Amino acid sequence: KLPSWARAVVPKIFYVTEKAWNYYPYTITGKNWSCSFLPKFSIHIETKYEDNKGSNDRIFDKEVKDLEREVCFIDIASDEIPERYYKESEDPKYFKSQKTGRGQLKEGWRETHQPIMCSYKLVTVKFEVWGLQTRVEQFVHKVVRDILLIGHRQAFAWVDEWYDMTMDEVREFERATQEATNKKIGIFPPAISISNISMPSSTRSAPASAPSTPLSTDAPEFLTVPKDRPRKKSAPETLTLPDPAKK
């Protein structure tokens, strides 16, 4: 749900294009939000997984070309979430896994629980509309943080549902989920395709719990971080709203 100031400039009809490159333990998701009269709005998320407590401060040094970034720690047990999304059954402080024995996560759990993994996210947001850029980009970063917090809480609390699934069962679950989503959306469902691409024999170190997987060091070109577009100081990008009087 968009805030009132965002609804004032976003049309009722627009579409979202998402492209993902998933090669665990390294994934990239790029989203381009498009509509009829707004310039490109992009969200670019790179993810790396490591078997540590979030102690690697230099994990994205090769990807980040400047130092203008904010590091934000997310604690799935202690951080507050929006009240409307809270469920006690998904609260890591109270959840106890029957299959793995993991949980409940009390204060200081990161120092005592094993195994432990950190999901590192590098989030880049661009909304190049003069006068709205800072406000929109800050809002999106907050929303992305909430989504990541809620999603990882659920992944932990749902562990008994997926812990012993085979790959065939995972694919069937994906197929059923896509079918249910398509029925809900209507006659123009988005398509999900999974491609097996042969990769070089080089490998990237993965968490100890993951199988060794061949991995290219470069992501597909279509998922590179969006580049800044040059601007003329005398002609900043502006947003022109429809004139109701001309309808």
Protein backbone atom coordinates (compact mmCIF):
# COMPACT_ATOMS: atom_id res chain seq x y z
CA LYS A 1 0.00 0.00 0.00
CA LEU A 2 1.43 3.34 -1.09
CA PRO A 3 1.40 6.46 1.10
CA SER A 4 -0.88 9.32 0.03
CA TRP A 5 1.96 11.41 -1.43
CA ALA A 6 2.99 8.48 -3.64
CA ARG A 7 -0.57 7.72 -4.80
CA ALA A 8 -0.83 11.32 -5.96
CA VAL A 9 1.84 10.81 -8.63
CA VAL A 10 1.51 7.11 -9.49
CA PRO A 11 -1.15 6.10 -12.03
CA LYS A 12 -3.72 3.45 -11.22
CA ILE A 13 -2.36 1.19 -13.95
CA PHE A 14 1.34 0.34 -14.20
CA TYR A 15 3.43 -2.79 -14.40
CA VAL A 16 6.46 -4.27 -12.68
CA THR A 17 9.26 -6.18 -14.37
CA GLU A 18 11.52 -8.36 -12.23
CA LYS A 19 14.67 -10.13 -13.39
CA ALA A 20 16.56 -12.47 -11.08
CA TRP A 21 19.90 -14.26 -11.25
CA ASN A 22 19.99 -16.96 -8.60
CA TYR A 23 23.20 -18.92 -8.17
CA TYR A 24 23.45 -19.61 -4.45
CA PRO A 25 25.32 -18.40 -2.46
CA TYR A 26 25.24 -15.32 -4.73
CA THR A 27 22.00 -13.90 -6.08
CA ILE A 28 20.92 -10.71 -7.81
CA THR A 29 17.42 -9.32 -8.18
CA GLY A 30 16.73 -6.30 -10.37
CA LYS A 31 13.34 -4.64 -10.56
CA ASN A 32 12.27 -1.97 -13.04
CA TRP A 33 9.03 -0.24 -12.18
CA SER A 34 7.51 1.34 -15.27
CA CYS A 35 4.45 3.44 -15.99
CA SER A 36 3.30 5.90 -18.61
CA PHE A 37 4.74 9.18 -17.37
CA LEU A 38 7.40 8.39 -14.76
CA PRO A 39 11.08 7.74 -15.58
CA LYS A 40 12.54 4.39 -14.71
CA PHE A 41 12.31 3.42 -11.05
CA SER A 42 14.79 0.68 -10.22
CA ILE A 43 15.54 -1.53 -7.22
CA HIS A 44 18.72 -3.60 -7.42
CA ILE A 45 19.49 -6.15 -4.69
CA GLU A 46 22.63 -8.28 -4.49
CA THR A 47 22.77 -11.06 -1.90
CA LYS A 48 25.68 -13.07 -0.54
CA TYR A 49 25.52 -15.72 2.18
CA GLU A 50 28.30 -16.55 4.62
CA ASP A 51 28.61 -18.76 7.69
CA ASN A 52 29.23 -15.97 10.19
CA LYS A 53 27.40 -13.51 12.45
CA GLY A 54 27.53 -10.53 10.08
CA SER A 55 31.16 -9.76 10.79
CA ASN A 56 32.35 -9.34 7.18
CA ASP A 57 32.36 -5.57 6.63
CA ARG A 58 34.09 -5.84 3.26
CA ILE A 59 31.91 -8.41 1.53
CA PHE A 60 30.68 -5.92 -1.11
CA ASP A 61 33.87 -3.89 -1.53
CA LYS A 62 34.21 -4.99 -5.18
CA GLU A 63 30.61 -4.07 -5.98
CA VAL A 64 30.45 -0.69 -4.22
CA LYS A 65 32.36 2.02 -6.08
CA ASP A 66 31.69 4.81 -3.59
CA LEU A 67 31.47 5.11 0.18
CA GLU A 68 28.00 6.65 0.31
CA ARG A 69 26.23 3.71 1.89
CA GLU A 70 24.54 2.90 5.15
CA VAL A 71 25.06 -0.41 6.94
CA CYS A 72 21.91 -1.68 8.64
CA PHE A 73 21.85 -4.82 10.81
CA ILE A 74 18.62 -6.83 10.85
CA ASP A 75 17.96 -9.09 13.84
CA ILE A 76 15.06 -11.46 13.11
CA ALA A 77 14.41 -12.00 16.82
CA SER A 78 14.77 -8.52 18.31
CA ASP A 79 13.84 -5.97 15.64
CA GLU A 80 10.30 -4.63 15.67
CA ILE A 81 8.02 -5.24 12.69
CA PRO A 82 4.83 -3.41 11.65
CA GLU A 83 2.06 -4.53 13.99
CA ARG A 84 -0.25 -5.61 11.16
CA TYR A 85 2.31 -8.23 10.08
CA TYR A 86 3.03 -9.68 13.50
CA LYS A 87 2.12 -13.32 14.19
CA GLU A 88 3.17 -15.05 17.38
CA SER A 89 3.62 -18.30 15.43
CA GLU A 90 6.26 -16.53 13.30
CA ASP A 91 8.06 -14.87 16.20
CA PRO A 92 11.56 -16.43 16.54
CA LYS A 93 11.52 -15.59 20.25
CA TYR A 94 8.71 -18.13 20.78
CA PHE A 95 9.03 -20.56 17.86
CA LYS A 96 10.65 -23.95 18.50
CA SER A 97 11.39 -26.25 15.56
CA GLN A 98 10.25 -29.84 16.07
CA LYS A 99 12.51 -31.23 13.32
CA THR A 100 15.73 -29.33 13.99
CA GLY A 101 15.44 -28.26 17.63
CA ARG A 102 16.28 -24.66 16.63
CA GLY A 103 14.74 -21.77 18.54
CA GLN A 104 13.69 -20.08 20.67
CA LEU A 105 15.92 -17.08 19.92
CA LYS A 106 16.47 -15.05 23.06
CA GLU A 107 18.51 -11.88 23.51
CA GLY A 108 22.12 -12.53 22.52
CA TRP A 109 21.19 -15.54 20.38
CA ARG A 110 23.76 -14.68 17.72
CA GLU A 111 26.57 -15.37 20.17
CA THR A 112 25.29 -18.77 21.32
CA HIS A 113 23.34 -20.47 18.49
CA GLN A 114 24.84 -22.84 15.90
CA PRO A 115 24.65 -23.27 12.98
CA ILE A 116 24.37 -19.60 12.01
CA MET A 117 24.40 -17.86 8.64
CA CYS A 118 24.27 -14.20 7.63
CA SER A 119 22.46 -13.02 4.51
CA TYR A 120 24.24 -9.88 3.26
CA LYS A 121 22.17 -7.55 1.06
CA LEU A 122 23.41 -4.65 -1.06
CA VAL A 123 20.33 -2.58 -1.95
CA THR A 124 20.45 0.17 -4.58
CA VAL A 125 17.37 2.30 -5.24
CA LYS A 126 17.05 4.90 -8.00
CA PHE A 127 14.08 7.19 -8.61
CA GLU A 128 15.21 10.05 -10.81
CA VAL A 129 12.42 12.58 -10.41
CA TRP A 130 13.54 16.02 -9.34
CA GLY A 131 11.94 17.07 -6.07
CA LEU A 132 10.87 13.54 -5.12
CA GLN A 133 14.06 11.51 -5.48
CA THR A 134 15.30 11.61 -1.87
CA ARG A 135 11.88 11.05 -0.32
CA VAL A 136 10.98 8.12 -2.56
CA GLU A 137 14.36 6.42 -2.28
CA GLN A 138 14.33 6.67 1.54
CA PHE A 139 10.78 5.29 1.62
CA VAL A 140 11.71 2.34 -0.61
CA HIS A 141 14.75 1.49 1.51
CA LYS A 142 12.51 1.36 4.59
CA VAL A 143 9.98 -0.87 2.82
CA VAL A 144 12.72 -3.21 1.57
CA ARG A 145 14.11 -3.48 5.10
CA ASP A 146 10.67 -4.42 6.46
CA ILE A 147 10.20 -7.03 3.72
CA LEU A 148 13.60 -8.59 4.43
CA LEU A 149 12.93 -8.67 8.16
CA ILE A 150 9.50 -10.27 7.81
CA GLY A 151 10.64 -12.70 5.11
CA HIS A 152 13.60 -14.00 7.09
CA ARG A 153 11.49 -14.34 10.24
CA GLN A 154 9.08 -16.48 8.22
CA ALA A 155 11.89 -18.55 6.69
CA PHE A 156 13.07 -19.40 10.21
CA ALA A 157 9.59 -20.06 11.60
CA TRP A 158 8.58 -22.22 8.62
CA VAL A 159 11.68 -24.42 8.78
CA ASP A 160 9.68 -27.56 9.63
CA GLU A 161 7.75 -27.15 6.37
CA TRP A 162 10.78 -27.04 4.06
CA TYR A 163 13.68 -28.58 5.99
CA ASP A 164 13.44 -32.12 4.53
CA MET A 165 11.96 -31.28 1.10
CA THR A 166 13.60 -32.88 -1.93
CA MET A 167 14.42 -30.79 -5.01
CA ASP A 168 11.48 -32.37 -6.85
CA GLU A 169 9.18 -31.33 -4.02
CA VAL A 170 10.60 -27.80 -4.15
CA ARG A 171 9.88 -27.58 -7.89
CA GLU A 172 6.34 -28.88 -7.37
CA PHE A 173 5.80 -26.30 -4.63
CA GLU A 174 7.01 -23.55 -7.00
CA ARG A 175 4.67 -24.80 -9.75
CA ALA A 176 1.65 -24.91 -7.42
CA THR A 177 2.46 -21.45 -6.06
CA GLN A 178 2.74 -19.99 -9.56
CA GLU A 179 -0.56 -21.59 -10.58
CA ALA A 180 -2.34 -20.20 -7.50
CA THR A 181 -0.84 -16.76 -8.15
CA ASN A 182 -1.91 -16.79 -11.79
CA LYS A 183 -5.49 -17.64 -10.82
CA LYS A 184 -5.54 -14.74 -8.37
CA ILE A 185 -4.06 -12.22 -10.82
CA GLY A 186 -6.25 -13.06 -13.79
CA ILE A 187 -5.83 -13.84 -17.47
CA PHE A 188 -2.49 -12.08 -17.91
CA PRO A 189 -0.24 -13.90 -15.42
CA PRO A 190 3.49 -13.23 -15.21
CA ALA A 191 5.68 -16.04 -16.47
CA ILE A 192 8.36 -17.70 -14.39
CA SER A 193 11.14 -19.50 -16.23
CA ILE A 194 14.01 -21.46 -14.76
CA SER A 195 17.04 -22.00 -16.98
CA ASN A 196 19.97 -24.30 -16.42
CA ILE A 197 23.03 -22.47 -17.75
CA SER A 198 26.37 -24.20 -18.05
CA MET A 199 28.96 -22.28 -16.06
CA PRO A 200 32.78 -22.26 -15.92
CA SER A 201 34.43 -24.71 -13.58
CA SER A 202 35.55 -21.97 -11.16
CA THR A 203 33.85 -22.04 -7.80
CA ARG A 204 32.84 -19.51 -5.20
CA SER A 205 33.09 -20.44 -1.54
CA ALA A 206 29.69 -21.30 -0.10
CA PRO A 207 28.43 -21.75 3.43
CA ALA A 208 29.48 -25.06 4.97
CA SER A 209 25.89 -26.28 4.85
CA ALA A 210 25.66 -25.78 1.07
CA PRO A 211 26.88 -28.07 -1.70
CA SER A 212 29.86 -26.90 -3.75
CA THR A 213 28.43 -25.20 -6.83
CA PRO A 214 30.24 -23.97 -9.98
CA LEU A 215 29.70 -20.25 -10.31
CA SER A 216 30.66 -17.50 -12.67
CA THR A 217 32.08 -14.41 -11.02
CA ASP A 218 30.04 -12.12 -13.27
CA ALA A 219 26.31 -11.58 -13.27
CA PRO A 220 24.33 -11.24 -16.51
CA GLU A 221 24.59 -7.81 -18.11
CA PHE A 222 20.85 -7.16 -17.75
CA LEU A 223 21.23 -7.25 -13.96
CA THR A 224 24.02 -4.69 -13.62
CA VAL A 225 23.41 -1.77 -11.28
CA PRO A 226 21.52 0.99 -13.12
CA LYS A 227 23.83 3.82 -14.14
CA ASP A 228 23.29 7.44 -13.19
CA ARG A 229 21.94 9.45 -16.07
CA PRO A 230 23.63 12.83 -16.78
CA ARG A 231 21.57 15.87 -15.88
CA LYS A 232 21.75 19.47 -17.02
CA LYS A 233 21.70 21.89 -14.11
CA SER A 234 19.61 24.31 -16.13
CA ALA A 235 17.02 21.66 -16.93
CA PRO A 236 16.40 19.27 -14.04
CA GLU A 237 14.01 16.39 -14.54
CA THR A 238 10.53 17.36 -13.47
CA LEU A 239 7.28 15.57 -13.00
CA THR A 240 4.26 16.92 -14.87
CA LEU A 241 0.87 15.80 -13.59
CA PRO A 242 -2.23 15.72 -15.82
CA ASP A 243 -4.33 18.86 -15.74
CA PRO A 244 -7.84 17.91 -14.46
CA ALA A 245 -9.30 20.95 -16.23
CA LYS A 246 -8.39 19.53 -19.63
CA LYS A 247 -10.35 16.29 -19.15
